Amino acid sequence: MNDHTRSSVEPQATRGFYPRLGKRLLDLCLTIPGGLVALPVIGLAAIAIRRNSPGPAIFMQERVGQNGRVFRCYKLRSMYVDAPSVPTHEAAQAAVTPVGQFLRRTKIDELPQLWNVLRGEMSLVGPRPCLPSQRELIDARQSRGVLDIRPGITGFAQVKGIDMSRPHVLAEADQQYVQRMSAVLDLKLMVQTLLGGS
């Protein structure tokens, strides 16, 4: 990716009312009431997780965020505690608990990330944060200006069914999102996610 292509992406990610302020305001307006609704769901899921397998209900993992900063991403644990820390697409199906399969299928395991949104580490919509070990994806995103924005709980690529097993395809989809980012697109992606489009 040459400098000309990157420079054409950066202004999209950092200028204008919505990228600079509107997106954060939308996150807070939806996350605060949404978090209150999610709390009892998280509580019930946590009880089910603890009864199904030993270990903590909340899983913390380092992920790469805005500008390449590493942060702790929170999820409901869907795997056994001794499972290796690998990207989701590389995880063995046998490592996922029975309750975890349901949590993943319904996306309930992602609900604790609302805390990451409140903390300003993530957005409701954006590129899914990857592990620090996923260097190929990180480099592909860096060259396309994708790391200029906060990662998201759901995103353009996820709704399209693109996962991290294809890093350059994913980074290109993430770049498309950065170039098209708007309140209308974010709301549309949220609705598609809730309706099972991711």
C-alpha atoms as a PDB file:
ATOM      1  CA  MET A   1       0.000   0.000   0.000  1.00  0.00           C
ATOM      2  CA  ASN A   2       1.605   3.273  -1.103  1.00  0.00           C
ATOM      3  CA  ASP A   3       1.643   6.604   0.747  1.00  0.00           C
ATOM      4  CA  HIS A   4      -0.890   8.135  -1.641  1.00  0.00           C
ATOM      5  CA  THR A   5      -3.488   5.490  -0.839  1.00  0.00           C
ATOM      6  CA  ARG A   6      -2.897   5.808   2.900  1.00  0.00           C
ATOM      7  CA  SER A   7      -3.161   9.600   2.832  1.00  0.00           C
ATOM      8  CA  SER A   8      -6.534   9.302   1.107  1.00  0.00           C
ATOM      9  CA  VAL A   9      -7.826   7.211   4.013  1.00  0.00           C
ATOM     10  CA  GLU A  10      -6.501   9.146   7.012  1.00  0.00           C
ATOM     11  CA  PRO A  11      -8.682  12.285   6.603  1.00  0.00           C
ATOM     12  CA  GLN A  12     -11.779  10.073   6.436  1.00  0.00           C
ATOM     13  CA  ALA A  13     -10.865   8.493   9.763  1.00  0.00           C
ATOM     14  CA  THR A  14      -9.944  11.640  11.675  1.00  0.00           C
ATOM     15  CA  ARG A  15     -11.878  14.586  10.231  1.00  0.00           C
ATOM     16  CA  GLY A  16     -15.495  15.656  10.270  1.00  0.00           C
ATOM     17  CA  PHE A  17     -18.058  15.782  13.075  1.00  0.00           C
ATOM     18  CA  TYR A  18     -19.089  12.143  13.059  1.00  0.00           C
ATOM     19  CA  PRO A  19     -15.628  10.506  13.162  1.00  0.00           C
ATOM     20  CA  ARG A  20     -14.355  12.967  15.759  1.00  0.00           C
ATOM     21  CA  LEU A  21     -17.361  13.419  18.071  1.00  0.00           C
ATOM     22  CA  GLY A  22     -20.588  12.000  16.691  1.00  0.00           C
ATOM     23  CA  LYS A  23     -19.498   8.375  16.750  1.00  0.00           C
ATOM     24  CA  ARG A  24     -18.478   8.606  20.410  1.00  0.00           C
ATOM     25  CA  LEU A  25     -21.760  10.306  21.317  1.00  0.00           C
ATOM     26  CA  LEU A  26     -23.725   7.583  19.527  1.00  0.00           C
ATOM     27  CA  ASP A  27     -21.727   4.924  21.370  1.00  0.00           C
ATOM     28  CA  LEU A  28     -22.508   6.463  24.754  1.00  0.00           C
ATOM     29  CA  CYS A  29     -26.184   7.116  23.984  1.00  0.00           C
ATOM     30  CA  LEU A  30     -26.705   3.465  23.034  1.00  0.00           C
ATOM     31  CA  THR A  31     -24.253   1.764  25.395  1.00  0.00           C
ATOM     32  CA  ILE A  32     -25.470   3.279  28.668  1.00  0.00           C
ATOM     33  CA  PRO A  33     -29.097   2.073  28.366  1.00  0.00           C
ATOM     34  CA  GLY A  34     -27.987  -1.030  26.472  1.00  0.00           C
ATOM     35  CA  GLY A  35     -25.587  -1.929  29.253  1.00  0.00           C
ATOM     36  CA  LEU A  36     -28.361  -1.751  31.841  1.00  0.00           C
ATOM     37  CA  VAL A  37     -30.444  -4.155  29.769  1.00  0.00           C
ATOM     38  CA  ALA A  38     -27.440  -6.421  29.215  1.00  0.00           C
ATOM     39  CA  LEU A  39     -26.470  -6.697  32.903  1.00  0.00           C
ATOM     40  CA  PRO A  40     -29.071  -9.355  33.877  1.00  0.00           C
ATOM     41  CA  VAL A  41     -28.288 -11.289  30.679  1.00  0.00           C
ATOM     42  CA  ILE A  42     -24.583 -11.246  31.529  1.00  0.00           C
ATOM     43  CA  GLY A  43     -25.398 -12.329  35.081  1.00  0.00           C
ATOM     44  CA  LEU A  44     -27.476 -15.317  33.969  1.00  0.00           C
ATOM     45  CA  ALA A  45     -24.868 -16.273  31.385  1.00  0.00           C
ATOM     46  CA  ALA A  46     -22.134 -16.076  34.037  1.00  0.00           C
ATOM     47  CA  ILE A  47     -24.056 -18.493  36.272  1.00  0.00           C
ATOM     48  CA  ALA A  48     -24.489 -20.919  33.355  1.00  0.00           C
ATOM     49  CA  ILE A  49     -20.771 -20.703  32.500  1.00  0.00           C
ATOM     50  CA  ARG A  50     -19.668 -21.429  36.068  1.00  0.00           C
ATOM     51  CA  ARG A  51     -22.044 -24.384  36.338  1.00  0.00           C
ATOM     52  CA  ASN A  52     -20.928 -25.811  33.008  1.00  0.00           C
ATOM     53  CA  SER A  53     -17.152 -25.654  33.518  1.00  0.00           C
ATOM     54  CA  PRO A  54     -14.670 -24.520  36.196  1.00  0.00           C
ATOM     55  CA  GLY A  55     -13.049 -21.123  35.939  1.00  0.00           C
ATOM     56  CA  PRO A  56     -14.030 -17.444  35.811  1.00  0.00           C
ATOM     57  CA  ALA A  57     -17.081 -16.369  33.823  1.00  0.00           C
ATOM     58  CA  ILE A  58     -15.412 -13.257  32.395  1.00  0.00           C
ATOM     59  CA  PHE A  59     -12.503 -13.774  30.032  1.00  0.00           C
ATOM     60  CA  MET A  60      -9.895 -11.046  29.488  1.00  0.00           C
ATOM     61  CA  GLN A  61      -7.590 -11.014  26.484  1.00  0.00           C
ATOM     62  CA  GLU A  62      -5.128  -8.468  25.120  1.00  0.00           C
ATOM     63  CA  ARG A  63      -6.219  -7.011  21.798  1.00  0.00           C
ATOM     64  CA  VAL A  64      -4.876  -4.331  19.457  1.00  0.00           C
ATOM     65  CA  GLY A  65      -6.864  -1.102  19.548  1.00  0.00           C
ATOM     66  CA  GLN A  66      -6.763   2.389  18.098  1.00  0.00           C
ATOM     67  CA  ASN A  67      -3.319   3.506  16.928  1.00  0.00           C
ATOM     68  CA  GLY A  68      -1.970   0.048  17.726  1.00  0.00           C
ATOM     69  CA  ARG A  69      -2.414   0.416  21.485  1.00  0.00           C
ATOM     70  CA  VAL A  70      -2.962  -2.871  23.308  1.00  0.00           C
ATOM     71  CA  PHE A  71      -5.915  -3.058  25.698  1.00  0.00           C
ATOM     72  CA  ARG A  72      -7.774  -5.689  27.702  1.00  0.00           C
ATOM     73  CA  CYS A  73     -10.879  -6.888  25.871  1.00  0.00           C
ATOM     74  CA  TYR A  74     -13.640  -8.460  27.988  1.00  0.00           C
ATOM     75  CA  LYS A  75     -15.834 -11.370  26.943  1.00  0.00           C
ATOM     76  CA  LEU A  76     -17.921 -14.052  28.567  1.00  0.00           C
ATOM     77  CA  ARG A  77     -15.785 -17.189  28.624  1.00  0.00           C
ATOM     78  CA  SER A  78     -16.870 -19.613  25.922  1.00  0.00           C
ATOM     79  CA  MET A  79     -13.893 -21.998  26.080  1.00  0.00           C
ATOM     80  CA  TYR A  80     -12.340 -24.230  28.725  1.00  0.00           C
ATOM     81  CA  VAL A  81      -9.790 -22.437  30.915  1.00  0.00           C
ATOM     82  CA  ASP A  82      -6.859 -24.492  29.612  1.00  0.00           C
ATOM     83  CA  ALA A  83      -7.602 -23.684  25.948  1.00  0.00           C
ATOM     84  CA  PRO A  84      -4.755 -21.926  24.080  1.00  0.00           C
ATOM     85  CA  SER A  85      -5.081 -18.189  23.429  1.00  0.00           C
ATOM     86  CA  VAL A  86      -5.549 -18.145  19.659  1.00  0.00           C
ATOM     87  CA  PRO A  87      -7.776 -16.266  17.190  1.00  0.00           C
ATOM     88  CA  THR A  88     -11.351 -17.561  17.106  1.00  0.00           C
ATOM     89  CA  HIS A  89     -11.001 -19.066  13.625  1.00  0.00           C
ATOM     90  CA  GLU A  90      -8.022 -21.136  14.836  1.00  0.00           C
ATOM     91  CA  ALA A  91      -9.684 -22.448  17.989  1.00  0.00           C
ATOM     92  CA  ALA A  92     -10.492 -26.167  18.072  1.00  0.00           C
ATOM     93  CA  GLN A  93     -14.203 -26.855  18.358  1.00  0.00           C
ATOM     94  CA  ALA A  94     -13.476 -29.245  21.237  1.00  0.00           C
ATOM     95  CA  ALA A  95     -12.109 -26.296  23.242  1.00  0.00           C
ATOM     96  CA  VAL A  96     -15.504 -24.580  23.224  1.00  0.00           C
ATOM     97  CA  THR A  97     -17.824 -25.476  26.110  1.00  0.00           C
ATOM     98  CA  PRO A  98     -21.464 -26.492  25.460  1.00  0.00           C
ATOM     99  CA  VAL A  99     -22.655 -23.222  27.002  1.00  0.00           C
ATOM    100  CA  GLY A 100     -19.970 -21.397  25.037  1.00  0.00           C
ATOM    101  CA  GLN A 101     -21.364 -22.696  21.762  1.00  0.00           C
ATOM    102  CA  PHE A 102     -24.711 -21.074  22.568  1.00  0.00           C
ATOM    103  CA  LEU A 103     -23.058 -17.851  23.722  1.00  0.00           C
ATOM    104  CA  ARG A 104     -21.053 -17.602  20.520  1.00  0.00           C
ATOM    105  CA  ARG A 105     -23.997 -18.426  18.290  1.00  0.00           C
ATOM    106  CA  THR A 106     -26.149 -15.725  19.912  1.00  0.00           C
ATOM    107  CA  LYS A 107     -23.231 -13.240  20.324  1.00  0.00           C
ATOM    108  CA  ILE A 108     -24.040 -12.973  24.044  1.00  0.00           C
ATOM    109  CA  ASP A 109     -20.348 -13.631  24.773  1.00  0.00           C
ATOM    110  CA  GLU A 110     -19.564 -10.178  23.345  1.00  0.00           C
ATOM    111  CA  LEU A 111     -21.788  -8.240  25.787  1.00  0.00           C
ATOM    112  CA  PRO A 112     -19.034  -7.462  28.354  1.00  0.00           C
ATOM    113  CA  GLN A 113     -17.316  -5.436  25.621  1.00  0.00           C
ATOM    114  CA  LEU A 114     -19.899  -2.734  26.326  1.00  0.00           C
ATOM    115  CA  TRP A 115     -17.559  -1.922  29.232  1.00  0.00           C
ATOM    116  CA  ASN A 116     -14.726  -1.456  26.720  1.00  0.00           C
ATOM    117  CA  VAL A 117     -16.992   0.914  24.779  1.00  0.00           C
ATOM    118  CA  LEU A 118     -17.759   2.965  27.899  1.00  0.00           C
ATOM    119  CA  ARG A 119     -14.026   3.170  28.639  1.00  0.00           C
ATOM    120  CA  GLY A 120     -13.380   4.518  25.140  1.00  0.00           C
ATOM    121  CA  GLU A 121     -11.267   1.543  24.073  1.00  0.00           C
ATOM    122  CA  MET A 122     -13.827   0.275  21.576  1.00  0.00           C
ATOM    123  CA  SER A 123     -16.820   1.449  19.587  1.00  0.00           C
ATOM    124  CA  LEU A 124     -20.090  -0.366  18.965  1.00  0.00           C
ATOM    125  CA  VAL A 125     -19.145  -0.580  15.278  1.00  0.00           C
ATOM    126  CA  GLY A 126     -15.659  -0.841  13.847  1.00  0.00           C
ATOM    127  CA  PRO A 127     -12.979  -3.340  12.825  1.00  0.00           C
ATOM    128  CA  ARG A 128     -12.892  -6.322  15.180  1.00  0.00           C
ATOM    129  CA  PRO A 129      -9.794  -6.088  17.417  1.00  0.00           C
ATOM    130  CA  CYS A 130      -7.167  -8.748  16.814  1.00  0.00           C
ATOM    131  CA  LEU A 131      -4.493 -10.335  18.976  1.00  0.00           C
ATOM    132  CA  PRO A 132      -1.024  -8.708  19.147  1.00  0.00           C
ATOM    133  CA  SER A 133       0.363 -11.910  17.610  1.00  0.00           C
ATOM    134  CA  GLN A 134      -1.616 -11.420  14.375  1.00  0.00           C
ATOM    135  CA  ARG A 135       1.140  -9.394  12.733  1.00  0.00           C
ATOM    136  CA  GLU A 136       0.015  -9.917   9.146  1.00  0.00           C
ATOM    137  CA  LEU A 137      -3.418  -8.465   9.891  1.00  0.00           C
ATOM    138  CA  ILE A 138      -1.991  -5.636  11.999  1.00  0.00           C
ATOM    139  CA  ASP A 139       0.419  -4.629   9.221  1.00  0.00           C
ATOM    140  CA  ALA A 140      -2.328  -4.822   6.584  1.00  0.00           C
ATOM    141  CA  ARG A 141      -4.601  -2.636   8.694  1.00  0.00           C
ATOM    142  CA  GLN A 142      -1.812  -0.182   9.527  1.00  0.00           C
ATOM    143  CA  SER A 143      -0.995   0.373   5.859  1.00  0.00           C
ATOM    144  CA  ARG A 144      -4.674   1.091   5.110  1.00  0.00           C
ATOM    145  CA  GLY A 145      -5.306   3.519   7.969  1.00  0.00           C
ATOM    146  CA  VAL A 146      -7.667   1.109   9.726  1.00  0.00           C
ATOM    147  CA  LEU A 147      -5.877   1.418  13.075  1.00  0.00           C
ATOM    148  CA  ASP A 148      -6.673   5.143  13.120  1.00  0.00           C
ATOM    149  CA  ILE A 149     -10.129   4.363  14.528  1.00  0.00           C
ATOM    150  CA  ARG A 150     -11.405   2.418  17.528  1.00  0.00           C
ATOM    151  CA  PRO A 151     -12.145  -1.274  16.997  1.00  0.00           C
ATOM    152  CA  GLY A 152     -15.751  -2.391  17.323  1.00  0.00           C
ATOM    153  CA  ILE A 153     -17.973  -5.064  18.818  1.00  0.00           C
ATOM    154  CA  THR A 154     -19.423  -5.643  15.364  1.00  0.00           C
ATOM    155  CA  GLY A 155     -18.371  -4.336  12.001  1.00  0.00           C
ATOM    156  CA  PHE A 156     -18.711  -4.094   8.249  1.00  0.00           C
ATOM    157  CA  ALA A 157     -16.543  -7.165   7.631  1.00  0.00           C
ATOM    158  CA  GLN A 158     -18.349  -9.296  10.205  1.00  0.00           C
ATOM    159  CA  VAL A 159     -21.754  -8.576   8.696  1.00  0.00           C
ATOM    160  CA  LYS A 160     -20.297  -9.619   5.336  1.00  0.00           C
ATOM    161  CA  GLY A 161     -19.016 -12.867   6.855  1.00  0.00           C
ATOM    162  CA  ILE A 162     -15.301 -12.054   6.524  1.00  0.00           C
ATOM    163  CA  ASP A 163     -13.264 -13.425   9.421  1.00  0.00           C
ATOM    164  CA  MET A 164      -9.618 -13.126  10.444  1.00  0.00           C
ATOM    165  CA  SER A 165      -8.530 -16.210   8.503  1.00  0.00           C
ATOM    166  CA  ARG A 166      -8.102 -13.924   5.463  1.00  0.00           C
ATOM    167  CA  PRO A 167      -6.138 -10.961   6.857  1.00  0.00           C
ATOM    168  CA  HIS A 168      -5.727  -8.956   3.645  1.00  0.00           C
ATOM    169  CA  VAL A 169      -9.353  -9.456   2.580  1.00  0.00           C
ATOM    170  CA  LEU A 170     -10.433  -8.424   6.074  1.00  0.00           C
ATOM    171  CA  ALA A 171      -8.182  -5.358   6.073  1.00  0.00           C
ATOM    172  CA  GLU A 172      -9.610  -4.280   2.700  1.00  0.00           C
ATOM    173  CA  ALA A 173     -13.162  -4.597   4.040  1.00  0.00           C
ATOM    174  CA  ASP A 174     -12.128  -2.625   7.144  1.00  0.00           C
ATOM    175  CA  GLN A 175     -10.692   0.071   4.879  1.00  0.00           C
ATOM    176  CA  GLN A 176     -14.010   0.288   3.020  1.00  0.00           C
ATOM    177  CA  TYR A 177     -15.720   0.867   6.351  1.00  0.00           C
ATOM    178  CA  VAL A 178     -13.282   3.652   7.293  1.00  0.00           C
ATOM    179  CA  GLN A 179     -13.915   5.366   3.954  1.00  0.00           C
ATOM    180  CA  ARG A 180     -17.720   5.092   4.261  1.00  0.00           C
ATOM    181  CA  MET A 181     -18.093   5.566   8.031  1.00  0.00           C
ATOM    182  CA  SER A 182     -21.285   7.403   9.004  1.00  0.00           C
ATOM    183  CA  ALA A 183     -24.077   7.294  11.583  1.00  0.00           C
ATOM    184  CA  VAL A 184     -26.437   5.770   9.035  1.00  0.00           C
ATOM    185  CA  LEU A 185     -23.986   2.989   8.170  1.00  0.00           C
ATOM    186  CA  ASP A 186     -23.253   2.278  11.840  1.00  0.00           C
ATOM    187  CA  LEU A 187     -26.951   2.009  12.704  1.00  0.00           C
ATOM    188  CA  LYS A 188     -27.527  -0.219   9.683  1.00  0.00           C
ATOM    189  CA  LEU A 189     -24.694  -2.556  10.718  1.00  0.00           C
ATOM    190  CA  MET A 190     -26.030  -2.723  14.288  1.00  0.00           C
ATOM    191  CA  VAL A 191     -29.483  -3.700  13.026  1.00  0.00           C
ATOM    192  CA  GLN A 192     -28.019  -6.316  10.685  1.00  0.00           C
ATOM    193  CA  THR A 193     -26.000  -7.758  13.575  1.00  0.00           C
ATOM    194  CA  LEU A 194     -29.062  -7.941  15.853  1.00  0.00           C
ATOM    195  CA  LEU A 195     -30.995  -9.656  13.074  1.00  0.00           C
ATOM    196  CA  GLY A 196     -28.278 -12.262  12.703  1.00  0.00           C
ATOM    197  CA  GLY A 197     -26.336 -10.770   9.803  1.00  0.00           C
ATOM    198  CA  SER A 198     -22.911 -11.309  11.399  1.00  0.00           C
END
